[in-house]
Amino acid sequence: MQREYLEDVIHKYCQKMAEHAASIPGKFDKEDIHELRVNYKKLRAFVRLLQEDPDAGKHLAVPDDIKEVYQAGAKVRDRQLFLDFLHKSIKDPTTLMPQFASGINRELFKTKEKLVLAIEETSFKDGEAKLKKSLPSFLHDEAIHRFVHRKVAAVQLILLSLENDEDLHGIRKHLKDLLYVIRIFEQEWGISFPIHAWKSEKALSDITTALGDYNDLSITVGFLDDSTINELPEEEKSVLLGLKEKSCTQKSVLQGQLLNKVRGLRLVSQFD
């Protein structure tokens, strides 16, 4: 794949991030934050692929300021997600648990301030230019092979001792990188991905979606921390402990189901 096609992908994702970042201050629309983060992850996966090419510049990496916007967006997104969870689980959380809800909203306000600051200090245009300077002149087949082999081998290694949330999250990250790159070939360049190290792309997609839902639930449970709950008035503590017990039970059941699913992954690390 020639350099001009690589540049087109870099431009597209940097431009989309810039557009969503410009829309965030003031509104903090969940969709804008989501799309900014998704386009970052697509860009990151593509850069990881290009890093496997021997002709890539040694400084080829997503710029730190763009990474900081992504991370700041995650903190806002997590708190928005948790507040949505509270409102779905409890009829009127602001009335039933005013101290706890107020604390989460204060945290959300602070994370929004940090996100705006990160956006103001970031030039997506400059980031795009830096990335383009280090692109290989051509994406070679051997780089694609190395990328897929590295991702598949990483998943297989985790599967050898799979047992906790961190392992599941690691598998999801590697599978998402594979899926993002596959879709760049299919959607951006209109060609089939040249390697098949899995029985079904749909199965990979379904598992990563399920792992994403599980990750969201894990984030939710993380906000229901005992040390925070124990400092609250008894009436708030009682509601939150009940909510935590229900969420932890749901998480445990889902974890067991996912562990079985990912253990059944059929990935091949040796391929032509």
Protein backbone atom coordinates (compact mmCIF):
# COMPACT_ATOMS: atom_id res chain seq x y z
CA MET A 1 0.00 0.00 0.00
CA GLN A 2 1.55 3.28 -1.14
CA ARG A 3 2.31 6.22 1.16
CA GLU A 4 -0.48 8.44 -0.20
CA TYR A 5 -3.07 5.90 0.97
CA LEU A 6 -1.46 5.77 4.39
CA GLU A 7 -1.57 9.56 4.59
CA ASP A 8 -5.27 9.57 3.71
CA VAL A 9 -6.07 7.37 6.72
CA ILE A 10 -3.96 9.49 9.07
CA HIS A 11 -5.67 12.64 7.78
CA LYS A 12 -9.16 11.19 8.16
CA TYR A 13 -8.80 10.16 11.79
CA CYS A 14 -6.97 13.32 12.88
CA GLN A 15 -9.59 15.46 11.16
CA LYS A 16 -12.47 13.57 12.75
CA MET A 17 -10.89 13.89 16.20
CA ALA A 18 -10.43 17.62 15.64
CA GLU A 19 -14.07 18.03 14.58
CA HIS A 20 -15.44 16.20 17.63
CA ALA A 21 -12.99 17.94 19.97
CA ALA A 22 -14.18 21.33 18.69
CA SER A 23 -17.79 20.38 19.48
CA ILE A 24 -17.15 19.15 23.01
CA PRO A 25 -16.66 22.34 25.11
CA GLY A 26 -19.99 23.68 26.32
CA LYS A 27 -22.10 20.67 25.31
CA PHE A 28 -20.00 17.65 26.34
CA ASP A 29 -22.20 15.53 24.15
CA LYS A 30 -21.64 11.85 24.89
CA GLU A 31 -21.57 11.01 21.20
CA ASP A 32 -18.83 13.54 20.49
CA ILE A 33 -16.70 12.16 23.31
CA HIS A 34 -17.37 8.61 22.17
CA GLU A 35 -16.50 9.35 18.54
CA LEU A 36 -13.35 11.25 19.49
CA ARG A 37 -12.15 8.26 21.50
CA VAL A 38 -13.10 5.72 18.82
CA ASN A 39 -11.22 7.65 16.14
CA TYR A 40 -8.22 7.86 18.44
CA LYS A 41 -8.26 4.09 18.90
CA LYS A 42 -8.53 3.57 15.14
CA LEU A 43 -5.58 5.88 14.60
CA ARG A 44 -3.58 4.15 17.35
CA ALA A 45 -4.24 0.71 15.86
CA PHE A 46 -3.19 1.93 12.41
CA VAL A 47 0.01 3.46 13.79
CA ARG A 48 0.79 0.19 15.58
CA LEU A 49 0.47 -1.58 12.24
CA LEU A 50 2.77 0.92 10.51
CA GLN A 51 5.35 0.63 13.30
CA GLU A 52 5.91 -2.96 12.18
CA ASP A 53 7.22 -1.77 8.81
CA PRO A 54 11.04 -1.55 8.71
CA ASP A 55 10.82 1.70 6.70
CA ALA A 56 8.74 3.50 9.34
CA GLY A 57 10.45 6.37 11.14
CA LYS A 58 11.68 5.60 14.63
CA HIS A 59 9.55 8.44 16.04
CA LEU A 60 6.29 7.17 14.55
CA ALA A 61 3.77 7.35 17.42
CA VAL A 62 0.53 9.10 18.27
CA PRO A 63 1.58 12.49 19.72
CA ASP A 64 1.36 12.84 23.50
CA ASP A 65 -1.03 15.82 23.41
CA ILE A 66 -3.57 13.85 21.35
CA LYS A 67 -3.18 10.93 23.77
CA GLU A 68 -3.90 13.29 26.69
CA VAL A 69 -7.15 14.41 25.07
CA TYR A 70 -8.15 10.75 24.70
CA GLN A 71 -7.34 10.01 28.35
CA ALA A 72 -9.11 13.13 29.61
CA GLY A 73 -12.14 12.17 27.55
CA ALA A 74 -12.16 8.74 29.20
CA LYS A 75 -12.50 10.30 32.65
CA VAL A 76 -15.51 12.36 31.52
CA ARG A 77 -17.05 9.43 29.71
CA ASP A 78 -16.69 7.10 32.74
CA ARG A 79 -18.53 9.50 35.02
CA GLN A 80 -21.25 10.17 32.47
CA LEU A 81 -21.65 6.41 32.11
CA PHE A 82 -21.92 5.94 35.86
CA LEU A 83 -24.48 8.73 36.28
CA ASP A 84 -26.57 7.15 33.51
CA PHE A 85 -26.34 3.86 35.40
CA LEU A 86 -27.52 5.52 38.62
CA HIS A 87 -30.52 7.10 36.93
CA LYS A 88 -31.49 3.80 35.30
CA SER A 89 -31.09 1.87 38.56
CA ILE A 90 -32.63 4.33 41.01
CA LYS A 91 -35.73 6.42 40.37
CA ASP A 92 -34.37 9.67 41.84
CA PRO A 93 -30.70 9.34 42.89
CA THR A 94 -30.35 13.08 43.56
CA THR A 95 -33.03 12.83 46.26
CA LEU A 96 -32.18 9.38 47.62
CA MET A 97 -28.41 9.93 47.76
CA PRO A 98 -27.75 13.69 47.54
CA GLN A 99 -24.26 13.55 49.05
CA PHE A 100 -23.03 10.75 46.81
CA ALA A 101 -24.63 12.17 43.63
CA SER A 102 -23.24 15.60 44.40
CA GLY A 103 -19.74 14.14 44.77
CA ILE A 104 -19.91 12.38 41.40
CA ASN A 105 -21.18 15.56 39.73
CA ARG A 106 -18.30 17.56 41.23
CA GLU A 107 -15.86 15.00 39.87
CA LEU A 108 -17.55 15.21 36.47
CA PHE A 109 -17.21 19.00 36.45
CA LYS A 110 -13.48 18.77 37.22
CA THR A 111 -12.88 16.16 34.52
CA LYS A 112 -14.72 18.35 32.01
CA GLU A 113 -12.42 21.25 32.87
CA LYS A 114 -9.37 19.05 32.32
CA LEU A 115 -10.74 17.82 29.01
CA VAL A 116 -11.30 21.36 27.75
CA LEU A 117 -7.77 22.32 28.80
CA ALA A 118 -6.33 19.27 27.02
CA ILE A 119 -8.27 20.15 23.86
CA GLU A 120 -7.09 23.77 23.98
CA GLU A 121 -3.47 22.64 24.26
CA THR A 122 -3.68 20.18 21.36
CA SER A 123 -3.20 20.80 17.64
CA PHE A 124 -4.55 17.84 15.71
CA LYS A 125 -3.18 19.42 12.52
CA ASP A 126 0.35 19.49 13.96
CA GLY A 127 -0.12 15.92 15.22
CA GLU A 128 -1.12 14.82 11.73
CA ALA A 129 1.98 16.48 10.25
CA LYS A 130 4.25 14.75 12.79
CA LEU A 131 2.76 11.37 12.00
CA LYS A 132 3.09 11.85 8.26
CA LYS A 133 6.79 12.67 8.57
CA SER A 134 7.53 9.19 9.92
CA LEU A 135 5.34 7.11 7.61
CA PRO A 136 6.95 4.37 5.55
CA SER A 137 6.96 4.97 1.80
CA PHE A 138 5.04 1.72 1.35
CA LEU A 139 3.23 -0.68 3.69
CA HIS A 140 4.85 -4.06 3.10
CA ASP A 141 3.14 -7.43 3.50
CA GLU A 142 5.73 -8.50 6.05
CA ALA A 143 4.65 -5.65 8.34
CA ILE A 144 1.03 -6.80 8.17
CA HIS A 145 2.11 -10.36 8.99
CA ARG A 146 4.18 -9.17 11.97
CA PHE A 147 1.32 -7.05 13.27
CA VAL A 148 -1.22 -9.88 13.13
CA HIS A 149 1.25 -12.39 14.56
CA ARG A 150 2.07 -10.05 17.45
CA LYS A 151 -1.59 -9.50 18.29
CA VAL A 152 -2.58 -13.15 18.00
CA ALA A 153 0.43 -14.29 20.03
CA ALA A 154 -0.40 -11.74 22.75
CA VAL A 155 -3.97 -13.06 23.00
CA GLN A 156 -2.77 -16.65 23.08
CA LEU A 157 -0.33 -15.83 25.86
CA ILE A 158 -3.05 -14.24 27.98
CA LEU A 159 -5.32 -17.24 27.37
CA LEU A 160 -2.73 -19.52 28.99
CA SER A 161 -3.47 -18.01 32.41
CA LEU A 162 -6.77 -16.22 31.86
CA GLU A 163 -8.46 -15.41 35.16
CA ASN A 164 -9.31 -11.76 35.83
CA ASP A 165 -10.58 -8.42 34.54
CA GLU A 166 -7.13 -7.24 33.51
CA ASP A 167 -6.72 -10.32 31.30
CA LEU A 168 -10.10 -9.77 29.66
CA HIS A 169 -9.30 -6.11 29.07
CA GLY A 170 -5.95 -7.04 27.51
CA ILE A 171 -7.59 -9.48 25.12
CA ARG A 172 -10.16 -6.87 24.11
CA LYS A 173 -7.46 -4.31 23.29
CA HIS A 174 -5.58 -6.72 21.02
CA LEU A 175 -8.74 -7.91 19.26
CA LYS A 176 -9.95 -4.33 18.74
CA ASP A 177 -6.62 -3.42 17.15
CA LEU A 178 -7.05 -6.31 14.72
CA LEU A 179 -10.64 -5.35 13.90
CA TYR A 180 -9.80 -1.67 13.37
CA VAL A 181 -7.03 -2.57 10.93
CA ILE A 182 -9.21 -5.10 9.09
CA ARG A 183 -11.86 -2.41 8.60
CA ILE A 184 -9.34 0.12 7.34
CA PHE A 185 -8.50 -2.28 4.52
CA GLU A 186 -12.16 -3.02 3.83
CA GLN A 187 -13.76 0.41 4.34
CA GLU A 188 -10.99 2.88 3.51
CA TRP A 189 -9.24 1.00 0.71
CA GLY A 190 -11.98 -1.32 -0.49
CA ILE A 191 -9.84 -4.46 -0.36
CA SER A 192 -9.95 -7.63 1.70
CA PHE A 193 -7.55 -7.98 4.59
CA PRO A 194 -4.74 -10.22 3.30
CA ILE A 195 -4.46 -12.47 6.38
CA HIS A 196 -6.98 -14.77 8.03
CA ALA A 197 -5.87 -15.97 11.44
CA TRP A 198 -9.41 -16.50 12.75
CA LYS A 199 -12.44 -18.51 11.74
CA SER A 200 -14.90 -15.63 11.80
CA GLU A 201 -14.51 -11.86 11.81
CA LYS A 202 -18.06 -11.63 13.15
CA ALA A 203 -17.12 -13.83 16.12
CA LEU A 204 -14.20 -11.50 16.89
CA SER A 205 -16.50 -8.50 16.66
CA ASP A 206 -19.17 -10.08 18.88
CA ILE A 207 -16.63 -10.99 21.56
CA THR A 208 -15.09 -7.51 21.62
CA THR A 209 -18.57 -5.97 21.93
CA ALA A 210 -19.36 -8.25 24.87
CA LEU A 211 -15.99 -7.44 26.44
CA GLY A 212 -16.74 -3.73 26.00
CA ASP A 213 -20.06 -4.10 27.83
CA TYR A 214 -18.27 -5.98 30.60
CA ASN A 215 -15.66 -3.25 30.84
CA ASP A 216 -18.41 -0.65 31.25
CA LEU A 217 -19.92 -2.70 34.07
CA SER A 218 -16.50 -2.99 35.72
CA ILE A 219 -16.11 0.80 35.58
CA THR A 220 -19.52 1.17 37.19
CA VAL A 221 -18.66 -1.21 40.02
CA GLY A 222 -15.41 0.67 40.53
CA PHE A 223 -17.35 3.81 41.48
CA LEU A 224 -19.19 1.86 44.19
CA ASP A 225 -16.12 1.73 46.38
CA ASP A 226 -16.56 0.63 50.01
CA SER A 227 -14.34 3.39 51.38
CA THR A 228 -16.52 6.01 49.69
CA ILE A 229 -19.83 4.37 50.60
CA ASN A 230 -18.88 3.95 54.28
CA GLU A 231 -18.44 7.71 54.67
CA LEU A 232 -22.00 8.42 53.59
CA PRO A 233 -25.15 8.81 55.72
CA GLU A 234 -26.81 5.51 56.58
CA GLU A 235 -29.79 6.00 54.26
CA GLU A 236 -27.49 6.57 51.28
CA LYS A 237 -25.16 3.77 52.32
CA SER A 238 -27.99 1.26 52.43
CA VAL A 239 -29.17 2.05 48.89
CA LEU A 240 -25.67 1.98 47.45
CA LEU A 241 -24.64 -1.25 49.14
CA GLY A 242 -27.72 -2.94 47.69
CA LEU A 243 -26.88 -1.55 44.27
CA LYS A 244 -23.27 -2.69 44.60
CA GLU A 245 -24.28 -6.23 45.60
CA LYS A 246 -26.58 -6.51 42.60
CA SER A 247 -23.94 -5.11 40.23
CA CYS A 248 -21.18 -7.37 41.57
CA THR A 249 -23.41 -10.43 41.15
CA GLN A 250 -24.19 -9.43 37.58
CA LYS A 251 -20.50 -8.80 36.92
CA SER A 252 -19.49 -12.19 38.33
CA VAL A 253 -22.00 -14.04 36.14
CA LEU A 254 -20.95 -12.09 33.05
CA GLN A 255 -17.26 -12.64 33.78
CA GLY A 256 -17.79 -16.41 33.90
CA GLN A 257 -19.62 -16.34 30.58
CA LEU A 258 -16.91 -14.25 28.94
CA LEU A 259 -14.07 -16.37 30.28
CA ASN A 260 -15.66 -19.39 28.62
CA LYS A 261 -16.20 -17.49 25.36
CA VAL A 262 -12.67 -16.14 25.05
CA ARG A 263 -11.17 -19.52 25.97
CA GLY A 264 -13.03 -20.83 22.94
CA LEU A 265 -11.33 -18.35 20.60
CA ARG A 266 -9.75 -20.11 17.65
CA LEU A 267 -6.84 -17.95 16.58
CA VAL A 268 -3.91 -19.13 14.49
CA SER A 269 -0.46 -17.60 15.06
CA GLN A 270 1.23 -19.43 12.18
CA PHE A 271 -0.17 -18.57 8.77
CA ASP A 272 0.92 -18.06 5.19
